Amino acid sequence: MAETKQKNWFRRHWVLTIILGIIVLGIIGGMFGNDTSNTETQTSSGNGGIKATPEQVKTYSIGDSIQAGDFTWEITKSSTAKTIGSNPYLKTEASGIYIILDVEVENTGKSAKYLMDSYLKLVDDQGREFSPDTSAAFYLDSNQVLMFEQVNPGIVKKGKIVFDVPENLNVANVRISSNLVSSSFYNVKLII
């Protein structure tokens, strides 16, 4: 009997249910910011590959400034390492090899924004996508870790982002997203 009352409530209040659903989705979307930048490329998660829009896909190089949403990114250097950590008791070893990106990021927006290492992915020549290894980054010096933190407008953050990838990885693109819910991203060519 209680189940029937519950179904009747949703039928009587279907407009309220839809309005509440829209409000919740709006709040979630607002938490991750708005992307007002031009779209360079679009992702297609259906087949696991990357599809370009009809526009020409622009590929950047190390040292180029890339405006992605409210952040300007610059990858200044890349290096590799088998282990991270100078203390023999506080170090970690890669399952494959670590690729370490030195980056500078500036909040060019008008309000504080959250900066996350998950805005960056590595995509190899086989279309495989690699996420940052945040736990390995903890073994870097604390002032070098670049991950989840709030950045005020005009502030530049410098740090390192670590990826654990197979040792035989030769060529990859660094894909920079403008925010977590956006499908726009920018490629930086990386030769390892």
C-alpha atoms as a PDB file:
ATOM      1  CA  MET A   1       0.000   0.000   0.000  1.00  0.00           C
ATOM      2  CA  ALA A   2       2.874   2.435   0.837  1.00  0.00           C
ATOM      3  CA  GLU A   3       4.426   1.807  -2.589  1.00  0.00           C
ATOM      4  CA  THR A   4       1.175   2.843  -4.286  1.00  0.00           C
ATOM      5  CA  LYS A   5       1.094   6.111  -2.295  1.00  0.00           C
ATOM      6  CA  GLN A   6       4.671   6.824  -3.329  1.00  0.00           C
ATOM      7  CA  LYS A   7       3.895   6.298  -7.028  1.00  0.00           C
ATOM      8  CA  ASN A   8       0.809   8.533  -6.720  1.00  0.00           C
ATOM      9  CA  TRP A   9       2.902  11.328  -5.144  1.00  0.00           C
ATOM     10  CA  PHE A  10       5.305  11.346  -8.123  1.00  0.00           C
ATOM     11  CA  ARG A  11       2.371  11.357 -10.559  1.00  0.00           C
ATOM     12  CA  ARG A  12       0.722  14.269  -8.787  1.00  0.00           C
ATOM     13  CA  HIS A  13       3.954  16.236  -8.439  1.00  0.00           C
ATOM     14  CA  TRP A  14       5.702  15.404 -11.723  1.00  0.00           C
ATOM     15  CA  VAL A  15       6.274  19.085 -12.527  1.00  0.00           C
ATOM     16  CA  LEU A  16       7.976  19.623  -9.161  1.00  0.00           C
ATOM     17  CA  THR A  17      10.155  16.536  -9.722  1.00  0.00           C
ATOM     18  CA  ILE A  18      11.299  17.831 -13.133  1.00  0.00           C
ATOM     19  CA  ILE A  19      12.040  21.313 -11.757  1.00  0.00           C
ATOM     20  CA  LEU A  20      14.099  19.885  -8.880  1.00  0.00           C
ATOM     21  CA  GLY A  21      16.037  17.693 -11.337  1.00  0.00           C
ATOM     22  CA  ILE A  22      16.885  20.714 -13.502  1.00  0.00           C
ATOM     23  CA  ILE A  23      18.014  22.709 -10.446  1.00  0.00           C
ATOM     24  CA  VAL A  24      20.296  19.881  -9.273  1.00  0.00           C
ATOM     25  CA  LEU A  25      21.859  19.547 -12.747  1.00  0.00           C
ATOM     26  CA  GLY A  26      22.383  23.320 -12.883  1.00  0.00           C
ATOM     27  CA  ILE A  27      24.147  23.309  -9.529  1.00  0.00           C
ATOM     28  CA  ILE A  28      26.435  20.443 -10.560  1.00  0.00           C
ATOM     29  CA  GLY A  29      27.266  22.163 -13.857  1.00  0.00           C
ATOM     30  CA  GLY A  30      27.967  25.451 -12.074  1.00  0.00           C
ATOM     31  CA  MET A  31      30.416  23.794  -9.693  1.00  0.00           C
ATOM     32  CA  PHE A  32      32.775  22.975 -12.544  1.00  0.00           C
ATOM     33  CA  GLY A  33      32.677  26.387 -14.204  1.00  0.00           C
ATOM     34  CA  ASN A  34      31.611  27.621 -17.572  1.00  0.00           C
ATOM     35  CA  ASP A  35      33.702  27.093 -20.667  1.00  0.00           C
ATOM     36  CA  THR A  36      33.535  30.189 -22.835  1.00  0.00           C
ATOM     37  CA  SER A  37      36.671  29.443 -24.851  1.00  0.00           C
ATOM     38  CA  ASN A  38      36.734  28.466 -28.487  1.00  0.00           C
ATOM     39  CA  THR A  39      36.585  24.749 -29.131  1.00  0.00           C
ATOM     40  CA  GLU A  40      39.735  23.398 -30.723  1.00  0.00           C
ATOM     41  CA  THR A  41      38.741  19.726 -30.835  1.00  0.00           C
ATOM     42  CA  GLN A  42      35.961  17.494 -29.578  1.00  0.00           C
ATOM     43  CA  THR A  43      36.227  14.098 -27.904  1.00  0.00           C
ATOM     44  CA  SER A  44      34.081  11.138 -28.725  1.00  0.00           C
ATOM     45  CA  SER A  45      33.931   8.651 -25.887  1.00  0.00           C
ATOM     46  CA  GLY A  46      31.700   6.265 -27.816  1.00  0.00           C
ATOM     47  CA  ASN A  47      34.536   4.674 -29.772  1.00  0.00           C
ATOM     48  CA  GLY A  48      37.377   5.637 -27.448  1.00  0.00           C
ATOM     49  CA  GLY A  49      39.048   7.775 -30.123  1.00  0.00           C
ATOM     50  CA  ILE A  50      39.389  11.457 -30.725  1.00  0.00           C
ATOM     51  CA  LYS A  51      37.455  13.183 -33.493  1.00  0.00           C
ATOM     52  CA  ALA A  52      38.281  16.626 -34.791  1.00  0.00           C
ATOM     53  CA  THR A  53      35.660  19.246 -35.514  1.00  0.00           C
ATOM     54  CA  PRO A  54      35.527  20.619 -39.053  1.00  0.00           C
ATOM     55  CA  GLU A  55      37.941  23.333 -37.859  1.00  0.00           C
ATOM     56  CA  GLN A  56      41.670  22.756 -38.223  1.00  0.00           C
ATOM     57  CA  VAL A  57      43.072  21.029 -35.117  1.00  0.00           C
ATOM     58  CA  LYS A  58      45.884  23.102 -33.667  1.00  0.00           C
ATOM     59  CA  THR A  59      48.756  21.334 -31.963  1.00  0.00           C
ATOM     60  CA  TYR A  60      50.974  23.275 -29.585  1.00  0.00           C
ATOM     61  CA  SER A  61      54.597  22.691 -28.565  1.00  0.00           C
ATOM     62  CA  ILE A  62      56.352  22.732 -25.220  1.00  0.00           C
ATOM     63  CA  GLY A  63      56.745  26.363 -24.151  1.00  0.00           C
ATOM     64  CA  ASP A  64      53.576  27.597 -25.904  1.00  0.00           C
ATOM     65  CA  SER A  65      50.889  29.343 -23.862  1.00  0.00           C
ATOM     66  CA  ILE A  66      47.464  27.727 -24.166  1.00  0.00           C
ATOM     67  CA  GLN A  67      44.294  29.473 -23.033  1.00  0.00           C
ATOM     68  CA  ALA A  68      41.913  26.732 -21.852  1.00  0.00           C
ATOM     69  CA  GLY A  69      38.833  28.160 -20.170  1.00  0.00           C
ATOM     70  CA  ASP A  70      39.892  30.432 -17.307  1.00  0.00           C
ATOM     71  CA  PHE A  71      43.435  29.034 -17.138  1.00  0.00           C
ATOM     72  CA  THR A  72      46.508  29.730 -19.265  1.00  0.00           C
ATOM     73  CA  TRP A  73      48.751  26.651 -19.337  1.00  0.00           C
ATOM     74  CA  GLU A  74      52.398  26.409 -20.305  1.00  0.00           C
ATOM     75  CA  ILE A  75      54.296  23.132 -20.256  1.00  0.00           C
ATOM     76  CA  THR A  76      57.872  24.255 -19.728  1.00  0.00           C
ATOM     77  CA  LYS A  77      59.672  20.906 -19.625  1.00  0.00           C
ATOM     78  CA  SER A  78      59.156  17.145 -19.649  1.00  0.00           C
ATOM     79  CA  SER A  79      61.373  14.487 -18.117  1.00  0.00           C
ATOM     80  CA  THR A  80      61.251  10.788 -17.253  1.00  0.00           C
ATOM     81  CA  ALA A  81      62.199   8.847 -14.142  1.00  0.00           C
ATOM     82  CA  LYS A  82      61.903   5.283 -12.892  1.00  0.00           C
ATOM     83  CA  THR A  83      61.566   6.381  -9.253  1.00  0.00           C
ATOM     84  CA  ILE A  84      60.431   9.570  -7.515  1.00  0.00           C
ATOM     85  CA  GLY A  85      61.634  10.697  -4.092  1.00  0.00           C
ATOM     86  CA  SER A  86      65.060  11.567  -2.731  1.00  0.00           C
ATOM     87  CA  ASN A  87      64.598   9.835   0.641  1.00  0.00           C
ATOM     88  CA  PRO A  88      65.262   6.055   0.370  1.00  0.00           C
ATOM     89  CA  TYR A  89      62.312   5.400   2.713  1.00  0.00           C
ATOM     90  CA  LEU A  90      59.944   7.825   1.019  1.00  0.00           C
ATOM     91  CA  LYS A  91      60.081   7.042  -2.671  1.00  0.00           C
ATOM     92  CA  THR A  92      57.934   5.284  -5.236  1.00  0.00           C
ATOM     93  CA  GLU A  93      58.767   3.246  -8.310  1.00  0.00           C
ATOM     94  CA  ALA A  94      56.843   3.415 -11.560  1.00  0.00           C
ATOM     95  CA  SER A  95      55.012   0.382 -12.892  1.00  0.00           C
ATOM     96  CA  GLY A  96      56.359   1.495 -16.269  1.00  0.00           C
ATOM     97  CA  ILE A  97      58.120   4.848 -16.338  1.00  0.00           C
ATOM     98  CA  TYR A  98      57.141   8.240 -14.952  1.00  0.00           C
ATOM     99  CA  ILE A  99      56.687  11.160 -17.311  1.00  0.00           C
ATOM    100  CA  ILE A 100      56.982  14.370 -15.303  1.00  0.00           C
ATOM    101  CA  LEU A 101      55.634  17.591 -16.786  1.00  0.00           C
ATOM    102  CA  ASP A 102      56.766  20.954 -15.416  1.00  0.00           C
ATOM    103  CA  VAL A 103      53.865  23.383 -15.858  1.00  0.00           C
ATOM    104  CA  GLU A 104      52.959  26.993 -15.172  1.00  0.00           C
ATOM    105  CA  VAL A 105      49.255  27.785 -14.841  1.00  0.00           C
ATOM    106  CA  GLU A 106      47.641  31.209 -14.462  1.00  0.00           C
ATOM    107  CA  ASN A 107      44.029  31.918 -13.550  1.00  0.00           C
ATOM    108  CA  THR A 108      43.012  34.498 -16.160  1.00  0.00           C
ATOM    109  CA  GLY A 109      39.363  34.505 -15.099  1.00  0.00           C
ATOM    110  CA  LYS A 110      37.562  37.011 -12.902  1.00  0.00           C
ATOM    111  CA  SER A 111      37.058  34.754  -9.863  1.00  0.00           C
ATOM    112  CA  ALA A 112      38.836  32.012  -7.946  1.00  0.00           C
ATOM    113  CA  LYS A 113      38.817  28.635  -9.730  1.00  0.00           C
ATOM    114  CA  TYR A 114      39.816  25.131  -8.703  1.00  0.00           C
ATOM    115  CA  LEU A 115      42.911  23.819 -10.460  1.00  0.00           C
ATOM    116  CA  MET A 116      43.170  20.048 -10.836  1.00  0.00           C
ATOM    117  CA  ASP A 117      45.816  17.802 -12.340  1.00  0.00           C
ATOM    118  CA  SER A 118      42.965  15.847 -13.941  1.00  0.00           C
ATOM    119  CA  TYR A 119      42.610  18.676 -16.518  1.00  0.00           C
ATOM    120  CA  LEU A 120      45.596  17.007 -18.232  1.00  0.00           C
ATOM    121  CA  LYS A 121      45.714  13.589 -19.916  1.00  0.00           C
ATOM    122  CA  LEU A 122      48.348  11.881 -22.048  1.00  0.00           C
ATOM    123  CA  VAL A 123      47.126  10.290 -25.282  1.00  0.00           C
ATOM    124  CA  ASP A 124      49.625   8.027 -27.074  1.00  0.00           C
ATOM    125  CA  ASP A 125      49.920   7.223 -30.775  1.00  0.00           C
ATOM    126  CA  GLN A 126      47.610   4.201 -30.253  1.00  0.00           C
ATOM    127  CA  GLY A 127      44.823   6.398 -28.847  1.00  0.00           C
ATOM    128  CA  ARG A 128      45.310   5.173 -25.260  1.00  0.00           C
ATOM    129  CA  GLU A 129      44.583   7.771 -22.578  1.00  0.00           C
ATOM    130  CA  PHE A 130      46.642   8.104 -19.384  1.00  0.00           C
ATOM    131  CA  SER A 131      45.554  10.021 -16.275  1.00  0.00           C
ATOM    132  CA  PRO A 132      47.947  11.722 -13.843  1.00  0.00           C
ATOM    133  CA  ASP A 133      49.329   9.611 -10.999  1.00  0.00           C
ATOM    134  CA  THR A 134      48.447  11.904  -8.104  1.00  0.00           C
ATOM    135  CA  SER A 135      49.741   9.465  -5.478  1.00  0.00           C
ATOM    136  CA  ALA A 136      53.208   9.458  -7.092  1.00  0.00           C
ATOM    137  CA  ALA A 137      53.231  13.263  -7.086  1.00  0.00           C
ATOM    138  CA  PHE A 138      53.134  13.177  -3.263  1.00  0.00           C
ATOM    139  CA  TYR A 139      56.730  11.893  -3.342  1.00  0.00           C
ATOM    140  CA  LEU A 140      57.899  15.099  -5.030  1.00  0.00           C
ATOM    141  CA  ASP A 141      58.904  18.034  -2.860  1.00  0.00           C
ATOM    142  CA  SER A 142      55.696  19.517  -1.433  1.00  0.00           C
ATOM    143  CA  ASN A 143      56.174  22.839  -3.250  1.00  0.00           C
ATOM    144  CA  GLN A 144      56.300  20.988  -6.601  1.00  0.00           C
ATOM    145  CA  VAL A 145      52.960  19.183  -6.367  1.00  0.00           C
ATOM    146  CA  LEU A 146      50.264  20.668  -8.581  1.00  0.00           C
ATOM    147  CA  MET A 147      46.820  19.286  -7.939  1.00  0.00           C
ATOM    148  CA  PHE A 148      43.476  20.192  -6.424  1.00  0.00           C
ATOM    149  CA  GLU A 149      43.661  23.738  -5.059  1.00  0.00           C
ATOM    150  CA  GLN A 150      41.837  27.026  -5.407  1.00  0.00           C
ATOM    151  CA  VAL A 151      43.651  29.674  -7.476  1.00  0.00           C
ATOM    152  CA  ASN A 152      42.702  33.348  -7.356  1.00  0.00           C
ATOM    153  CA  PRO A 153      42.618  35.527 -10.506  1.00  0.00           C
ATOM    154  CA  GLY A 154      46.027  36.679 -11.738  1.00  0.00           C
ATOM    155  CA  ILE A 155      47.912  34.078  -9.685  1.00  0.00           C
ATOM    156  CA  VAL A 156      50.481  31.860 -11.455  1.00  0.00           C
ATOM    157  CA  LYS A 157      51.117  28.376 -10.039  1.00  0.00           C
ATOM    158  CA  LYS A 158      54.229  26.370 -10.957  1.00  0.00           C
ATOM    159  CA  GLY A 159      54.472  22.669 -10.361  1.00  0.00           C
ATOM    160  CA  LYS A 160      54.822  19.160 -11.716  1.00  0.00           C
ATOM    161  CA  ILE A 161      52.291  16.628 -12.951  1.00  0.00           C
ATOM    162  CA  VAL A 162      53.281  12.944 -12.964  1.00  0.00           C
ATOM    163  CA  PHE A 163      52.073  10.153 -15.279  1.00  0.00           C
ATOM    164  CA  ASP A 164      52.900   6.438 -14.951  1.00  0.00           C
ATOM    165  CA  VAL A 165      53.043   5.049 -18.516  1.00  0.00           C
ATOM    166  CA  PRO A 166      54.445   1.944 -20.276  1.00  0.00           C
ATOM    167  CA  GLU A 167      58.204   2.087 -20.870  1.00  0.00           C
ATOM    168  CA  ASN A 168      57.848   1.654 -24.619  1.00  0.00           C
ATOM    169  CA  LEU A 169      55.752   4.822 -25.029  1.00  0.00           C
ATOM    170  CA  ASN A 170      57.441   6.988 -27.667  1.00  0.00           C
ATOM    171  CA  VAL A 171      55.057   9.737 -28.749  1.00  0.00           C
ATOM    172  CA  ALA A 172      52.158  11.294 -26.894  1.00  0.00           C
ATOM    173  CA  ASN A 173      49.935  14.325 -26.925  1.00  0.00           C
ATOM    174  CA  VAL A 174      49.204  16.139 -23.707  1.00  0.00           C
ATOM    175  CA  ARG A 175      45.503  16.906 -23.782  1.00  0.00           C
ATOM    176  CA  ILE A 176      44.501  19.937 -21.720  1.00  0.00           C
ATOM    177  CA  SER A 177      40.805  20.289 -20.908  1.00  0.00           C
ATOM    178  CA  SER A 178      39.264  23.632 -20.088  1.00  0.00           C
ATOM    179  CA  ASN A 179      37.239  22.061 -17.240  1.00  0.00           C
ATOM    180  CA  LEU A 180      36.007  18.651 -16.090  1.00  0.00           C
ATOM    181  CA  VAL A 181      32.642  18.718 -17.871  1.00  0.00           C
ATOM    182  CA  SER A 182      33.808  20.228 -21.163  1.00  0.00           C
ATOM    183  CA  SER A 183      34.543  18.323 -24.324  1.00  0.00           C
ATOM    184  CA  SER A 184      36.951  20.991 -25.634  1.00  0.00           C
ATOM    185  CA  PHE A 185      40.648  20.337 -25.278  1.00  0.00           C
ATOM    186  CA  TYR A 186      44.011  21.460 -26.603  1.00  0.00           C
ATOM    187  CA  ASN A 187      46.900  19.226 -27.717  1.00  0.00           C
ATOM    188  CA  VAL A 188      50.584  19.666 -26.886  1.00  0.00           C
ATOM    189  CA  LYS A 189      52.957  17.407 -28.877  1.00  0.00           C
ATOM    190  CA  LEU A 190      55.359  15.562 -26.599  1.00  0.00           C
ATOM    191  CA  ILE A 191      58.317  13.488 -27.803  1.00  0.00           C
ATOM    192  CA  ILE A 192      59.583  11.151 -25.105  1.00  0.00           C
END
